[in-house]
């Protein structure tokens, strides 16, 4: 299984860095599909540097096994670990012990371990600060950071969020349209299909004009904007001036932060196309555990309707459990996937045949044709199938990791994938969540390739691309349309997909009615950044 991650507390850092510093800052903090760039810096630890301990001698290039330092903590936890049901194994240690564990673990497991500069762990009295250095700083061909996904989070938060799909918020996700004044942010989608708990008019396309009296477009008090747009505790109340979609006058609403459970699958419907073709549509936002039963129900519904084509809307899907991606890919394509490779993990050259985390042989992940029981469903039940020879995907730069694996794996078994939207984030990588001393560290450990041994899409899948690689997909580059609801057949991306189904071409997209991306801009409508909690935006393997 796997979950993908976008950046340690990025949702709260986005506006502080991005709204005040502009587009370059936004790219750096990883809002949206680029996911998790250089985040985690606000996690701090206390404790001494470990001087005087047996482990304080540092020899560059000389590494002891990570187990030498594991669970030796500045602040050991007590009680029962909810993930295991057993007592915590923490014992008293020092900051240097924690840092040495990070150093040895990274040298053993990090995919690009040879590109880490070996720095003295005793010089860092903050383990998160040290962890931020244990990565490559090389660039991709396009000039982006090679590793934009390095990330850490308190283990208690990681455990509570990944299984339940619960987060503190208002029940919707922001899209940051413009990062430099005049700034602009709108609601991308609601976490529940019916917008439960939200005032009238607060839905997709509603623009925020002010937060607690601070102007979003030009206001200088970014702390107030941060605190209001990304609340941290239940019960917080903030005053928003909003312009609902289609309205000419703003409204003022008071929103109270609450524990929100997201619906990962929404707007399942069947649309009519030319020549009597039935087109299925579903919005799939998160590969979280609760998505497993929801996807099965959606496919059963579409199968009963006898659809001829499927439009899978994953424009905001940052990733999640890889096994759920495998299940969905099988349910879409059916028999052609049986016995085939969904994805093969490859670790660094120190581990050519064995998974260094589990100790098991590096066997590929298959296309799963039975339930795995990830999302509180009975395991071993045959999955329904649509047996479709092609798939239409609606994508954006928030489309990452496990979502990209669906695209890549289906192309690996010669299922046609037509891409409508914007270039995906480019995350063919994954990792296991590693807990040490109450912090869960997510460092890239493997790369995934499909049945044709292709996984070189670090710069994303591109609709109608011209790079001359297998990351170029047939399709149409279309900006996100915040003037229409998701699932509306007149929404720009869905409308283009239907036209492609009917005519085999992108068609003439009207010049008005939706927001175009800005050429050369880091943040735009086509790449609209939708900052999410880390459990909703990364690929992580689970032992």
Protein backbone atom coordinates (compact mmCIF):
# COMPACT_ATOMS: atom_id res chain seq x y z
CA UNK A 1 0.00 0.00 0.00
CA UNK A 2 1.09 3.55 -0.30
CA UNK A 3 0.29 7.07 0.45
CA UNK A 4 1.84 10.16 -1.11
CA UNK A 5 2.87 13.29 0.61
CA UNK A 6 3.19 16.91 -0.40
CA UNK A 7 4.91 18.88 2.28
CA UNK A 8 5.00 19.14 5.99
CA UNK A 9 2.61 21.89 7.21
CA UNK A 10 2.44 23.48 3.77
CA UNK A 11 -1.20 24.33 4.12
CA UNK A 12 -0.29 26.80 6.89
CA UNK A 13 2.92 28.03 5.32
CA UNK A 14 1.50 28.64 1.85
CA UNK A 15 0.17 32.11 2.41
CA UNK A 16 2.93 33.23 4.75
CA UNK A 17 5.51 32.51 2.10
CA UNK A 18 3.47 32.62 -1.04
CA UNK A 19 1.13 35.52 -0.57
CA UNK A 20 3.89 37.73 0.72
CA UNK A 21 6.78 36.59 -1.43
CA UNK A 22 4.93 35.66 -4.60
CA UNK A 23 5.07 32.86 -7.11
CA UNK A 24 8.62 31.76 -6.48
CA UNK A 25 7.86 31.27 -2.80
CA UNK A 26 4.79 29.22 -3.62
CA UNK A 27 6.78 26.86 -5.76
CA UNK A 28 9.29 26.49 -2.97
CA UNK A 29 6.75 25.56 -0.31
CA UNK A 30 5.02 23.02 -2.47
CA UNK A 31 1.42 24.15 -2.73
CA UNK A 32 -0.39 21.85 -5.12
CA UNK A 33 0.88 18.97 -7.13
CA UNK A 34 4.56 19.71 -6.92
CA UNK A 35 4.06 18.54 -3.41
CA UNK A 36 6.05 19.05 -0.29
CA UNK A 37 8.93 21.18 -1.48
CA UNK A 38 11.30 21.79 1.41
CA UNK A 39 8.60 21.58 4.03
CA UNK A 40 8.61 20.47 7.62
CA UNK A 41 10.72 23.40 8.79
CA UNK A 42 8.21 24.41 11.43
CA UNK A 43 8.56 21.12 13.30
CA UNK A 44 10.97 21.61 16.15
CA UNK A 45 12.45 19.38 18.79
CA UNK A 46 14.05 20.14 22.10
CA UNK A 47 16.99 18.56 23.81
CA UNK A 48 20.74 18.71 23.98
CA UNK A 49 23.10 18.02 21.11
CA UNK A 50 24.26 14.77 22.62
CA UNK A 51 27.79 15.84 23.38
CA UNK A 52 29.67 13.40 25.53
CA UNK A 53 27.73 10.35 24.37
CA UNK A 54 29.31 7.27 22.85
CA UNK A 55 27.95 8.25 19.43
CA UNK A 56 29.32 11.79 19.15
CA UNK A 57 32.35 10.94 17.00
CA UNK A 58 31.69 11.68 13.35
CA UNK A 59 33.69 10.26 10.47
CA UNK A 60 32.53 11.46 7.03
CA UNK A 61 31.49 8.51 4.88
CA UNK A 62 31.45 6.05 7.79
CA UNK A 63 27.96 4.88 8.77
CA UNK A 64 26.78 2.59 11.53
CA UNK A 65 23.50 0.70 11.02
CA UNK A 66 20.44 2.85 11.71
CA UNK A 67 19.34 0.26 14.29
CA UNK A 68 22.27 1.41 16.43
CA UNK A 69 20.41 4.64 17.18
CA UNK A 70 16.74 3.72 16.66
CA UNK A 71 14.20 4.72 19.31
CA UNK A 72 16.77 6.58 21.42
CA UNK A 73 14.88 9.77 22.04
CA UNK A 74 15.24 13.17 23.65
CA UNK A 75 11.65 12.80 24.85
CA UNK A 76 10.67 9.11 24.91
CA UNK A 77 6.98 8.31 24.54
CA UNK A 78 5.18 6.14 27.09
CA UNK A 79 2.01 4.12 26.89
CA UNK A 80 0.62 2.11 23.98
CA UNK A 81 1.40 2.70 20.34
CA UNK A 82 -2.00 2.77 18.57
CA UNK A 83 -0.42 1.55 15.34
CA UNK A 84 0.86 -1.68 16.91
CA UNK A 85 -1.21 -2.15 20.06
CA UNK A 86 2.04 -2.65 21.98
CA UNK A 87 4.01 -0.41 24.28
CA UNK A 88 6.22 2.22 22.72
CA UNK A 89 9.81 1.03 22.36
CA UNK A 90 11.29 4.48 22.96
CA UNK A 91 14.08 4.86 25.49
CA UNK A 92 16.08 7.79 26.75
CA UNK A 93 18.58 9.18 24.29
CA UNK A 94 19.94 12.45 22.96
CA UNK A 95 19.49 14.77 20.03
CA UNK A 96 22.63 13.28 18.53
CA UNK A 97 21.14 9.79 18.71
CA UNK A 98 18.08 10.97 16.79
CA UNK A 99 20.25 12.75 14.23
CA UNK A 100 22.53 9.75 13.81
CA UNK A 101 19.49 7.58 13.13
CA UNK A 102 18.42 9.99 10.41
CA UNK A 103 21.91 10.02 8.91
CA UNK A 104 22.30 6.23 8.81
CA UNK A 105 18.72 5.63 7.68
CA UNK A 106 19.11 8.09 4.82
CA UNK A 107 22.41 6.60 3.67
CA UNK A 108 20.79 3.16 3.59
CA UNK A 109 17.34 3.89 2.14
CA UNK A 110 17.37 7.22 0.29
CA UNK A 111 17.04 6.68 -3.45
CA UNK A 112 19.80 9.19 -4.24
CA UNK A 113 21.94 8.53 -1.16
CA UNK A 114 25.12 9.29 -3.10
CA UNK A 115 23.96 12.88 -3.62
CA UNK A 116 23.57 13.65 0.11
CA UNK A 117 26.28 15.91 1.53
CA UNK A 118 27.45 14.15 4.68
CA UNK A 119 27.19 16.83 7.37
CA UNK A 120 28.14 16.41 11.02
CA UNK A 121 24.95 15.51 12.91
CA UNK A 122 26.33 17.02 16.10
CA UNK A 123 26.10 20.48 14.53
CA UNK A 124 22.29 20.35 14.44
CA UNK A 125 20.19 20.76 17.58
CA UNK A 126 16.97 20.35 15.60
CA UNK A 127 16.35 16.98 13.96
CA UNK A 128 13.93 18.38 11.39
CA UNK A 129 16.52 20.95 10.33
CA UNK A 130 19.04 18.12 9.94
CA UNK A 131 16.56 15.95 8.05
CA UNK A 132 16.02 18.80 5.58
CA UNK A 133 19.70 18.47 4.62
CA UNK A 134 19.55 14.72 4.05
CA UNK A 135 18.40 14.91 0.44
CA UNK A 136 19.63 15.73 -3.04
CA UNK A 137 19.58 19.32 -4.22
CA UNK A 138 20.02 18.42 -7.90
CA UNK A 139 17.55 19.62 -10.54
CA UNK A 140 15.47 17.82 -13.16
CA UNK A 141 15.81 18.44 -16.90
CA UNK A 142 13.17 21.17 -16.67
CA UNK A 143 15.00 22.90 -13.83
CA UNK A 144 12.76 21.82 -10.96
CA UNK A 145 14.10 20.35 -7.74
CA UNK A 146 14.75 16.65 -8.19
CA UNK A 147 13.43 15.94 -4.69
CA UNK A 148 10.44 18.15 -3.96
CA UNK A 149 8.84 15.64 -1.63
CA UNK A 150 11.06 15.38 1.47
CA UNK A 151 8.77 15.60 4.46
CA UNK A 152 8.20 15.01 8.17
CA UNK A 153 5.11 15.10 10.40
CA UNK A 154 4.32 14.26 14.04
CA UNK A 155 3.54 10.54 14.14
CA UNK A 156 0.33 11.06 16.12
CA UNK A 157 -1.05 13.25 13.33
CA UNK A 158 0.09 10.83 10.63
CA UNK A 159 -1.63 7.89 12.32
CA UNK A 160 -4.88 9.70 13.03
CA UNK A 161 -5.21 11.18 9.55
CA UNK A 162 -4.19 8.44 7.14
CA UNK A 163 -6.84 5.95 8.20
CA UNK A 164 -9.78 8.18 9.04
CA UNK A 165 -9.60 10.84 6.35
CA UNK A 166 -10.31 13.42 9.06
CA UNK A 167 -8.72 16.86 9.19
CA UNK A 168 -9.45 20.18 10.86
CA UNK A 169 -10.98 22.67 8.46
CA UNK A 170 -14.20 24.03 7.05
CA UNK A 171 -15.12 21.30 4.59
CA UNK A 172 -13.58 22.63 1.40
CA UNK A 173 -10.21 23.02 -0.29
CA UNK A 174 -8.70 26.30 -1.48
CA UNK A 175 -7.22 26.83 -4.93
CA UNK A 176 -4.59 29.56 -5.02
CA UNK A 177 -4.99 31.20 -8.42
CA UNK A 178 -2.53 34.07 -8.11
CA UNK A 179 0.31 34.38 -5.63
CA UNK A 180 1.37 37.97 -6.30
CA UNK A 181 -0.80 41.02 -5.73
CA UNK A 182 -3.55 41.17 -6.65
CA UNK A 183 -3.73 37.74 -5.04
CA UNK A 184 -6.68 35.48 -5.69
CA UNK A 185 -7.98 32.34 -3.99
CA UNK A 186 -11.19 30.41 -4.68
CA UNK A 187 -12.77 27.22 -3.42
CA UNK A 188 -11.70 24.30 -5.62
CA UNK A 189 -14.16 21.76 -4.24
CA UNK A 190 -16.02 20.76 -1.12
CA UNK A 191 -14.88 17.72 0.84
CA UNK A 192 -18.43 16.40 0.90
CA UNK A 193 -20.43 16.17 -2.28
CA UNK A 194 -23.45 17.91 -0.75
CA UNK A 195 -21.37 20.63 0.94
CA UNK A 196 -22.57 19.48 4.34
CA UNK A 197 -22.16 22.09 7.07
CA UNK A 198 -21.41 24.96 4.68
CA UNK A 199 -23.49 28.14 4.27
CA UNK A 200 -25.31 28.68 0.96
CA UNK A 201 -23.02 29.98 -1.77
CA UNK A 202 -19.86 28.52 -0.23
CA UNK A 203 -18.80 26.02 -2.86
CA UNK A 204 -16.59 25.61 -5.90
CA UNK A 205 -15.64 28.91 -7.51
CA UNK A 206 -16.49 31.09 -4.51
CA UNK A 207 -13.73 33.68 -4.15
CA UNK A 208 -12.41 34.83 -0.78
CA UNK A 209 -12.06 38.61 -0.66
CA UNK A 210 -11.11 39.18 2.98
CA UNK A 211 -10.37 37.15 6.10
CA UNK A 212 -11.06 38.67 9.53
CA UNK A 213 -10.98 42.10 7.94
CA UNK A 214 -7.69 41.59 6.04
CA UNK A 215 -7.83 42.04 2.28
CA UNK A 216 -6.66 38.91 0.44
CA UNK A 217 -5.56 40.70 -2.71
CA UNK A 218 -3.25 43.29 -1.15
CA UNK A 219 -3.32 42.78 2.62
CA UNK A 220 0.02 42.69 4.45
CA UNK A 221 -1.14 40.77 7.55
CA UNK A 222 -0.48 37.31 6.15
CA UNK A 223 -0.59 35.72 9.61
CA UNK A 224 -4.27 36.61 9.87
CA UNK A 225 -4.89 35.25 6.38
CA UNK A 226 -3.08 32.04 7.31
CA UNK A 227 -4.88 31.55 10.58
CA UNK A 228 -8.25 32.08 8.99
CA UNK A 229 -7.89 30.12 5.77
CA UNK A 230 -6.08 27.15 7.36
CA UNK A 231 -7.35 26.79 10.96
CA UNK A 232 -5.43 24.49 13.25
CA UNK A 233 -7.91 23.67 16.01
CA UNK A 234 -11.55 22.71 16.18
CA UNK A 235 -13.90 25.44 17.30
CA UNK A 236 -11.97 28.35 15.77
CA UNK A 237 -14.26 30.90 14.15
CA UNK A 238 -13.26 33.35 11.43
CA UNK A 239 -15.12 35.94 9.41
CA UNK A 240 -14.90 35.65 5.61
CA UNK A 241 -16.02 38.03 2.91
CA UNK A 242 -16.80 35.80 -0.06
CA UNK A 243 -18.07 36.26 -3.60
CA UNK A 244 -20.11 33.15 -4.47
CA UNK A 245 -19.90 31.66 -7.94
CA UNK A 246 -22.10 33.66 -10.30
CA UNK A 247 -22.91 36.36 -7.72
CA UNK A 248 -22.43 40.09 -8.23
CA UNK A 249 -22.42 41.02 -4.55
CA UNK A 250 -20.20 39.57 -1.81
CA UNK A 251 -21.53 37.93 1.33
CA UNK A 252 -20.10 37.80 4.84
CA UNK A 253 -20.03 34.43 6.59
CA UNK A 254 -18.66 33.13 9.85
CA UNK A 255 -17.01 29.74 9.49
CA UNK A 256 -16.15 27.45 12.39
CA UNK A 257 -13.34 24.92 12.08
CA UNK A 258 -14.37 21.34 12.70
CA UNK A 259 -13.22 17.78 12.22
CA UNK A 260 -14.01 17.14 8.56
CA UNK A 261 -14.28 13.68 7.03
CA UNK A 262 -13.67 13.93 3.31
CA UNK A 263 -15.59 12.03 0.64
CA UNK A 264 -12.80 10.82 -1.68
CA UNK A 265 -15.20 9.84 -4.50
CA UNK A 266 -17.89 12.29 -5.63
CA UNK A 267 -20.23 13.24 -8.48
CA UNK A 268 -20.54 9.78 -10.03
CA UNK A 269 -22.78 10.20 -13.05
CA UNK A 270 -23.49 9.11 -16.62
CA UNK A 271 -23.60 11.67 -19.45
CA UNK A 272 -24.92 11.21 -22.96
CA UNK A 273 -22.62 11.76 -25.92
CA UNK A 274 -23.06 11.58 -29.69
CA UNK A 275 -23.98 8.32 -31.38
CA UNK A 276 -25.71 7.11 -28.23
CA UNK A 277 -22.50 6.67 -26.26
CA UNK A 278 -22.76 6.72 -22.48
CA UNK A 279 -19.92 8.51 -20.72
CA UNK A 280 -19.26 7.77 -17.06
CA UNK A 281 -17.76 10.46 -14.85
CA UNK A 282 -16.37 10.40 -11.34
CA UNK A 283 -14.37 12.85 -9.25
CA UNK A 284 -11.67 11.01 -7.31
CA UNK A 285 -9.81 13.26 -4.87
CA UNK A 286 -7.83 11.06 -2.46
CA UNK A 287 -6.34 7.55 -2.38
CA UNK A 288 -7.18 7.24 1.31
CA UNK A 289 -8.50 4.13 3.02
CA UNK A 290 -12.15 5.16 2.76
CA UNK A 291 -11.79 5.37 -1.03
CA UNK A 292 -11.74 1.58 -1.42
CA UNK A 293 -15.45 0.94 -0.76
CA UNK A 294 -16.44 4.23 -2.45
CA UNK A 295 -14.64 3.32 -5.68
CA UNK A 296 -16.17 -0.16 -5.71
CA UNK A 297 -19.65 1.33 -5.32
CA UNK A 298 -18.96 3.88 -8.08
CA UNK A 299 -17.74 1.24 -10.53
CA UNK A 300 -20.71 -0.98 -9.77
CA UNK A 301 -23.02 1.94 -10.53
CA UNK A 302 -21.27 2.78 -13.81
CA UNK A 303 -21.17 -0.88 -14.81
CA UNK A 304 -24.92 -1.20 -14.24
CA UNK A 305 -25.43 1.86 -16.46
CA UNK A 306 -23.47 0.18 -19.28
CA UNK A 307 -21.03 3.04 -19.93
CA UNK A 308 -18.92 3.11 -23.11
CA UNK A 309 -16.24 5.51 -21.83
CA UNK A 310 -15.04 6.76 -18.47
CA UNK A 311 -13.80 10.22 -17.54
CA UNK A 312 -11.78 9.96 -14.32
CA UNK A 313 -11.34 13.39 -12.75
CA UNK A 314 -8.12 13.31 -10.73
CA UNK A 315 -7.11 16.95 -11.16
CA UNK A 316 -6.85 17.41 -7.37
CA UNK A 317 -5.76 13.88 -6.41
CA UNK A 318 -2.32 14.07 -4.85
CA UNK A 319 -2.06 10.33 -4.30
CA UNK A 320 -2.40 7.85 -1.47
CA UNK A 321 -2.42 4.11 -1.14
CA UNK A 322 -0.82 2.55 -4.21
CA UNK A 323 -2.87 -0.61 -3.74
CA UNK A 324 -6.06 1.42 -4.13
CA UNK A 325 -4.66 2.80 -7.39
CA UNK A 326 -4.01 -0.77 -8.49
CA UNK A 327 -7.55 -1.84 -7.61
CA UNK A 328 -9.05 1.07 -9.54
CA UNK A 329 -6.86 0.44 -12.59
CA UNK A 330 -8.05 -3.18 -12.63
CA UNK A 331 -11.68 -2.15 -12.24
CA UNK A 332 -11.31 0.18 -15.23
CA UNK A 333 -9.44 -2.12 -17.62
CA UNK A 334 -10.44 -5.55 -16.39
CA UNK A 335 -9.18 -8.79 -17.91
CA UNK A 336 -6.34 -7.27 -19.94
CA UNK A 337 -4.52 -6.54 -16.67
CA UNK A 338 -4.70 -10.04 -15.16
CA UNK A 339 -1.29 -11.42 -14.32
CA UNK A 340 0.39 -8.19 -15.42
CA UNK A 341 2.63 -5.79 -13.51
CA UNK A 342 0.95 -2.71 -12.11
CA UNK A 343 4.15 -1.23 -10.75
CA UNK A 344 7.64 -2.47 -9.96
CA UNK A 345 9.58 -0.77 -7.18
CA UNK A 346 13.29 -0.14 -7.64
CA UNK A 347 15.39 0.97 -4.68
CA UNK A 348 18.91 2.39 -4.69
CA UNK A 349 21.80 0.30 -5.99
CA UNK A 350 22.57 -1.04 -2.51
CA UNK A 351 19.31 -3.04 -2.67
CA UNK A 352 18.93 -4.50 -6.17
CA UNK A 353 16.85 -7.58 -5.24
CA UNK A 354 15.46 -7.13 -1.73
CA UNK A 355 13.15 -4.55 -0.23
CA UNK A 356 15.39 -2.96 2.43
CA UNK A 357 12.44 -1.97 4.63
CA UNK A 358 10.48 -5.23 4.66
CA UNK A 359 13.30 -7.66 3.84
CA UNK A 360 11.10 -9.29 1.19
CA UNK A 361 12.05 -9.96 -2.44
CA UNK A 362 11.33 -7.08 -4.81
CA UNK A 363 8.22 -8.59 -6.34
CA UNK A 364 6.06 -6.23 -8.40
CA UNK A 365 2.69 -4.87 -7.31
CA UNK A 366 0.09 -6.63 -9.49
CA UNK A 367 -3.22 -5.29 -10.72
CA UNK A 368 -5.37 -6.32 -7.77
CA UNK A 369 -8.58 -8.08 -8.84
CA UNK A 370 -9.80 -8.60 -5.27
CA UNK A 371 -10.42 -6.29 -2.33
CA UNK A 372 -7.52 -5.87 0.08
CA UNK A 373 -9.57 -4.68 3.03
CA UNK A 374 -7.82 -1.31 3.23
CA UNK A 375 -11.00 0.65 3.75
CA UNK A 376 -13.01 -1.48 6.18
CA UNK A 377 -14.24 -3.86 3.49
CA UNK A 378 -13.96 -7.62 3.52
CA UNK A 379 -10.71 -8.70 1.85
CA UNK A 380 -10.64 -11.25 -0.94
CA UNK A 381 -13.88 -10.22 -2.66
CA UNK A 382 -13.78 -10.09 -6.48
CA UNK A 383 -13.78 -6.52 -7.78
CA UNK A 384 -16.24 -5.34 -10.44
CA UNK A 385 -14.78 -4.43 -13.83
CA UNK A 386 -15.70 -2.08 -16.67
CA UNK A 387 -13.36 -3.74 -19.19
CA UNK A 388 -12.69 -0.47 -21.00
CA UNK A 389 -9.96 -0.28 -23.68
CA UNK A 390 -9.30 3.40 -22.97
CA UNK A 391 -9.56 5.96 -20.18
CA UNK A 392 -9.96 9.73 -20.19
CA UNK A 393 -8.24 11.48 -17.27
CA UNK A 394 -8.74 15.09 -16.20
CA UNK A 395 -5.47 16.27 -14.68
CA UNK A 396 -3.68 19.23 -13.14
CA UNK A 397 -0.36 19.82 -11.44
CA UNK A 398 -2.00 18.54 -8.25
CA UNK A 399 -2.31 15.11 -9.92
CA UNK A 400 0.51 13.17 -8.28
CA UNK A 401 2.08 9.85 -7.45
CA UNK A 402 -0.55 7.12 -7.02
CA UNK A 403 -2.77 9.03 -9.45
CA UNK A 404 0.07 9.15 -11.96
CA UNK A 405 0.65 5.45 -11.33
CA UNK A 406 -2.85 4.73 -12.67
CA UNK A 407 -1.93 6.51 -15.90
CA UNK A 408 1.48 4.89 -16.18
CA UNK A 409 0.37 1.36 -15.30
CA UNK A 410 -2.53 1.30 -17.77
CA UNK A 411 -0.26 2.53 -20.54
CA UNK A 412 2.11 -0.26 -19.56
CA UNK A 413 -0.52 -2.84 -20.58
CA UNK A 414 -1.55 -0.92 -23.73
CA UNK A 415 -4.73 0.65 -22.42
CA UNK A 416 -5.12 4.01 -24.18
CA UNK A 417 -5.07 6.97 -21.80
CA UNK A 418 -6.21 10.36 -23.11
CA UNK A 419 -5.19 13.29 -20.91
CA UNK A 420 -7.28 16.46 -20.66
CA UNK A 421 -6.02 19.32 -18.52
CA UNK A 422 -2.56 20.34 -17.35
CA UNK A 423 0.77 18.58 -16.86
CA UNK A 424 0.81 16.37 -13.78
CA UNK A 425 3.17 16.97 -10.87
CA UNK A 426 5.77 14.34 -11.80
CA UNK A 427 6.19 11.99 -8.84
CA UNK A 428 7.21 8.47 -9.88
CA UNK A 429 8.63 8.02 -6.39
CA UNK A 430 7.44 6.64 -3.09
CA UNK A 431 8.48 5.79 0.42
CA UNK A 432 7.61 4.02 3.63
CA UNK A 433 6.56 6.15 6.57
CA UNK A 434 9.30 5.71 9.19
CA UNK A 435 8.54 6.62 12.80
CA UNK A 436 11.35 7.47 15.19
CA UNK A 437 10.78 9.17 18.54
CA UNK A 438 7.35 10.55 17.66
CA UNK A 439 8.16 11.99 14.24
CA UNK A 440 7.28 10.22 11.00
CA UNK A 441 9.87 10.78 8.27
CA UNK A 442 9.04 10.47 4.58
CA UNK A 443 12.12 10.30 2.44
CA UNK A 444 12.15 9.02 -1.14
CA UNK A 445 13.20 5.38 -1.16
CA UNK A 446 12.05 3.92 -4.45
CA UNK A 447 10.99 4.64 -7.98
CA UNK A 448 8.03 2.95 -9.67
CA UNK A 449 8.02 1.66 -13.24
CA UNK A 450 5.24 0.04 -15.27
CA UNK A 451 5.13 -3.28 -17.15
CA UNK A 452 7.16 -1.68 -19.94
CA UNK A 453 9.83 -0.55 -17.45
CA UNK A 454 8.87 3.11 -17.86
CA UNK A 455 8.87 5.51 -14.93
CA UNK A 456 10.72 8.56 -16.21
CA UNK A 457 8.06 11.21 -15.70
CA UNK A 458 9.70 13.42 -13.09
CA UNK A 459 8.49 16.42 -15.11
CA UNK A 460 4.97 15.05 -15.30
CA UNK A 461 2.65 13.55 -17.91
CA UNK A 462 1.87 16.14 -20.58
CA UNK A 463 -1.32 16.30 -22.69
CA UNK A 464 -0.33 16.50 -26.35
CA UNK A 465 3.26 16.83 -25.15
CA UNK A 466 6.30 17.31 -27.35
CA UNK A 467 9.15 15.96 -25.21
CA UNK A 468 9.34 12.82 -27.31
CA UNK A 469 9.02 10.40 -24.39
CA UNK A 470 6.34 8.06 -23.04
CA UNK A 471 5.30 10.90 -20.72
CA UNK A 472 3.71 12.62 -23.75
CA UNK A 473 0.05 11.58 -23.86
CA UNK A 474 -2.63 12.15 -26.47
CA UNK A 475 -5.04 14.79 -25.34
CA UNK A 476 -5.65 18.48 -24.82
CA UNK A 477 -4.09 21.17 -22.62
CA UNK A 478 -7.06 22.86 -20.95
CA UNK A 479 -7.09 25.21 -17.97
CA UNK A 480 -9.15 24.59 -14.85
CA UNK A 481 -12.61 26.10 -15.09
CA UNK A 482 -13.60 27.62 -11.76
CA UNK A 483 -16.75 29.14 -13.28
CA UNK A 484 -18.45 25.74 -13.43
CA UNK A 485 -19.12 23.00 -10.92
CA UNK A 486 -17.16 19.78 -11.15
CA UNK A 487 -19.17 17.23 -13.09
CA UNK A 488 -20.95 19.92 -15.11
CA UNK A 489 -20.72 18.76 -18.73
CA UNK A 490 -20.06 22.39 -19.73
CA UNK A 491 -17.01 22.67 -17.44
CA UNK A 492 -14.03 23.22 -19.73
CA UNK A 493 -12.09 20.03 -19.07
CA UNK A 494 -15.08 17.69 -18.97
CA UNK A 495 -16.60 19.37 -22.02
CA UNK A 496 -13.35 18.88 -23.92
CA UNK A 497 -13.24 15.21 -22.93
CA UNK A 498 -16.77 14.69 -24.23
CA UNK A 499 -15.89 16.45 -27.49
CA UNK A 500 -12.82 14.22 -27.84
CA UNK A 501 -14.99 11.14 -27.34
CA UNK A 502 -17.42 12.37 -29.99
CA UNK A 503 -14.97 13.70 -32.58
CA UNK A 504 -11.48 12.46 -31.72
CA UNK A 505 -10.19 16.01 -31.30
CA UNK A 506 -9.99 18.72 -28.66
CA UNK A 507 -12.45 20.98 -30.48
CA UNK A 508 -12.81 24.73 -30.13
CA UNK A 509 -12.78 25.69 -26.48
CA UNK A 510 -14.54 29.03 -26.01
CA UNK A 511 -12.35 32.01 -25.20
CA UNK A 512 -14.57 33.00 -22.32
CA UNK A 513 -16.11 31.10 -19.47
CA UNK A 514 -13.03 29.84 -17.68
CA UNK A 515 -9.72 31.04 -16.35
CA UNK A 516 -6.65 30.57 -18.51
CA UNK A 517 -3.19 29.92 -17.16
CA UNK A 518 -0.62 32.67 -17.40
CA UNK A 519 2.27 31.88 -19.67
CA UNK A 520 5.43 31.50 -17.61
CA UNK A 521 3.64 31.92 -14.29
CA UNK A 522 4.44 29.60 -11.43
CA UNK A 523 0.85 29.67 -10.22
CA UNK A 524 -2.10 29.89 -12.56
CA UNK A 525 -5.51 28.46 -13.28
CA UNK A 526 -4.06 25.59 -15.27
CA UNK A 527 -1.72 24.68 -12.46
CA UNK A 528 -3.92 26.01 -9.68
CA UNK A 529 -2.35 25.04 -6.39
CA UNK A 530 -4.64 23.15 -4.02
CA UNK A 531 -2.63 22.77 -0.80
CA UNK A 532 -3.73 19.72 1.15
CA UNK A 533 -2.81 17.91 4.31
CA UNK A 534 0.17 15.59 3.81
CA UNK A 535 -1.86 12.38 4.08
CA UNK A 536 -3.78 13.50 1.02
CA UNK A 537 -0.82 14.32 -1.16
CA UNK A 538 1.93 11.70 -1.18
CA UNK A 539 2.77 8.13 -2.09
CA UNK A 540 3.83 6.02 0.86
CA UNK A 541 4.30 2.30 1.21
CA UNK A 542 3.04 0.67 4.38
CA UNK A 543 4.59 -2.45 5.85
